[in-house]
Amino acid sequence: MKGNVVDMAVGVVIGGAFGKIVTSLVSDIIMPLVGALCGGLNFTDWKWVISKAVMDGDTVVKPAVAVTWGNFLQVIFDFLIIALCIFMVIKAINKAKDLGKKEEAPAEPEAPAPKPDDVVLLEEIRDLLKNQK
């Protein structure tokens, strides 16, 4: 498929909007359902705390350092769903292109080109020599 800059720009804009839709789908619909199946857990709250926050009353002196692997897990789900959707769209486009193509009839074999006179003469001489033996 040939394209141009405008087609690519439209694709980028639509892809960005599509990414937001899928992110919302995953974070607002799919992950709460998966969390409910896992006992009411919120995946974005899953983290591994490396060092706890240092507090002085109600003020935070030093914030907590944590690896938020639950958020990473949610981003992986986002990516997988986006990849699946793009795969399905490209597969549908390719199938539509294949249906749009006309089925070509098998080409009829071309008649052999006429031989030059000197080749015809040499073949006749060859055949006469074969018959003499």
Protein backbone atom coordinates (compact mmCIF):
# COMPACT_ATOMS: atom_id res chain seq x y z
CA MET A 1 0.00 0.00 0.00
CA LYS A 2 1.27 3.41 -0.86
CA GLY A 3 0.60 6.33 1.44
CA ASN A 4 1.61 9.86 2.05
CA VAL A 5 2.24 12.22 4.94
CA VAL A 6 -1.41 13.18 5.36
CA ASP A 7 -2.44 9.53 5.63
CA MET A 8 0.27 8.95 8.22
CA ALA A 9 -0.79 12.03 10.23
CA VAL A 10 -4.40 10.90 10.25
CA GLY A 11 -3.25 7.46 11.39
CA VAL A 12 -1.23 8.93 14.25
CA VAL A 13 -4.14 11.08 15.45
CA ILE A 14 -6.62 8.22 15.24
CA GLY A 15 -4.10 5.89 16.88
CA GLY A 16 -3.66 8.31 19.80
CA ALA A 17 -7.42 8.55 20.30
CA PHE A 18 -7.75 4.79 19.96
CA GLY A 19 -5.04 4.34 22.59
CA LYS A 20 -7.00 6.51 25.03
CA ILE A 21 -10.15 4.50 24.38
CA VAL A 22 -8.36 1.21 24.97
CA THR A 23 -6.64 2.57 28.10
CA SER A 24 -10.03 3.56 29.47
CA LEU A 25 -11.48 0.17 28.51
CA VAL A 26 -8.72 -1.66 30.32
CA SER A 27 -8.50 0.55 33.42
CA ASP A 28 -12.24 1.22 33.86
CA ILE A 29 -13.89 -2.01 32.69
CA ILE A 30 -11.56 -4.99 32.28
CA MET A 31 -9.22 -4.55 35.25
CA PRO A 32 -12.02 -3.95 37.80
CA LEU A 33 -13.67 -7.16 36.59
CA VAL A 34 -10.37 -9.05 36.87
CA GLY A 35 -9.81 -7.46 40.28
CA ALA A 36 -13.28 -8.58 41.41
CA LEU A 37 -12.47 -12.12 40.31
CA CYS A 38 -9.23 -11.93 42.33
CA GLY A 39 -11.00 -10.88 45.54
CA GLY A 40 -11.57 -7.16 45.02
CA LEU A 41 -7.96 -6.19 44.35
CA ASN A 42 -6.95 -3.07 42.45
CA PHE A 43 -3.97 -3.85 40.25
CA THR A 44 -2.69 -0.28 40.21
CA ASP A 45 -2.28 -0.45 44.00
CA TRP A 46 0.07 -3.43 43.79
CA LYS A 47 3.57 -2.30 44.58
CA TRP A 48 6.76 -3.38 46.23
CA VAL A 49 7.87 -0.81 48.78
CA ILE A 50 11.65 -0.48 48.86
CA SER A 51 11.75 2.18 51.58
CA LYS A 52 8.82 3.58 53.52
CA ALA A 53 7.97 7.26 53.64
CA VAL A 54 9.47 9.32 56.48
CA MET A 55 6.76 11.39 58.12
CA ASP A 56 7.00 14.32 60.52
CA GLY A 57 3.47 14.54 61.82
CA ASP A 58 1.28 15.07 58.77
CA THR A 59 4.05 16.27 56.47
CA VAL A 60 6.10 13.93 54.30
CA VAL A 61 9.83 14.45 54.87
CA LYS A 62 10.91 11.74 52.48
CA PRO A 63 8.43 10.07 50.09
CA ALA A 64 8.19 6.31 49.86
CA VAL A 65 10.24 4.54 47.19
CA ALA A 66 8.28 1.75 45.57
CA VAL A 67 8.17 -0.36 42.44
CA THR A 68 4.57 -0.09 41.17
CA TRP A 69 4.40 -3.34 39.28
CA GLY A 70 0.58 -3.39 39.31
CA ASN A 71 0.52 -0.29 37.12
CA PHE A 72 3.06 -1.93 34.84
CA LEU A 73 0.77 -4.98 34.62
CA GLN A 74 -2.12 -2.73 33.60
CA VAL A 75 -0.02 -1.07 30.88
CA ILE A 76 0.89 -4.53 29.55
CA PHE A 77 -2.82 -5.36 29.31
CA ASP A 78 -3.35 -2.06 27.46
CA PHE A 79 -0.61 -2.95 24.98
CA LEU A 80 -1.91 -6.48 24.38
CA ILE A 81 -5.44 -5.27 23.70
CA ILE A 82 -4.22 -2.50 21.37
CA ALA A 83 -1.98 -5.01 19.53
CA LEU A 84 -4.89 -7.44 19.17
CA CYS A 85 -7.19 -4.72 17.81
CA ILE A 86 -4.58 -3.49 15.33
CA PHE A 87 -3.91 -7.07 14.21
CA MET A 88 -7.62 -7.63 13.61
CA VAL A 89 -8.00 -4.34 11.68
CA ILE A 90 -5.00 -5.09 9.44
CA LYS A 91 -6.25 -8.62 8.87
CA ALA A 92 -9.67 -7.24 7.84
CA ILE A 93 -8.05 -4.68 5.51
CA ASN A 94 -5.95 -7.38 3.83
CA LYS A 95 -8.98 -9.63 3.45
CA ALA A 96 -10.96 -6.75 1.90
CA LYS A 97 -8.08 -6.09 -0.51
CA ASP A 98 -8.03 -9.75 -1.52
CA LEU A 99 -11.79 -9.74 -2.13
CA GLY A 100 -11.46 -6.57 -4.18
CA LYS A 101 -8.98 -8.12 -6.56
CA LYS A 102 -10.45 -9.71 -9.63
CA GLU A 103 -9.72 -13.35 -9.94
CA GLU A 104 -7.48 -13.63 -12.91
CA ALA A 105 -8.19 -16.40 -15.36
CA PRO A 106 -5.21 -18.59 -16.07
CA ALA A 107 -3.30 -17.18 -18.99
CA GLU A 108 -3.57 -19.12 -22.20
CA PRO A 109 -0.24 -20.42 -23.40
CA GLU A 110 1.11 -18.30 -26.19
CA ALA A 111 1.60 -19.81 -29.61
CA PRO A 112 5.25 -20.41 -30.30
CA ALA A 113 6.85 -17.62 -32.27
CA PRO A 114 7.50 -18.43 -35.92
CA LYS A 115 11.01 -19.69 -36.50
CA PRO A 116 13.36 -17.80 -38.78
CA ASP A 117 13.91 -19.27 -42.22
CA ASP A 118 17.49 -20.34 -41.55
CA VAL A 119 16.40 -22.36 -38.48
CA VAL A 120 13.66 -24.09 -40.46
CA LEU A 121 16.17 -24.92 -43.23
CA LEU A 122 18.70 -26.33 -40.72
CA GLU A 123 16.00 -28.50 -39.09
CA GLU A 124 15.06 -29.92 -42.48
CA ILE A 125 18.71 -30.73 -43.22
CA ARG A 126 19.01 -32.42 -39.79
CA ASP A 127 15.90 -34.54 -40.41
CA LEU A 128 17.18 -35.59 -43.90
CA LEU A 129 20.53 -36.62 -42.41
CA LYS A 130 18.76 -38.71 -39.75
CA ASN A 131 16.72 -40.51 -42.41
CA GLN A 132 19.81 -41.40 -44.48
CA LYS A 133 21.34 -43.51 -41.74
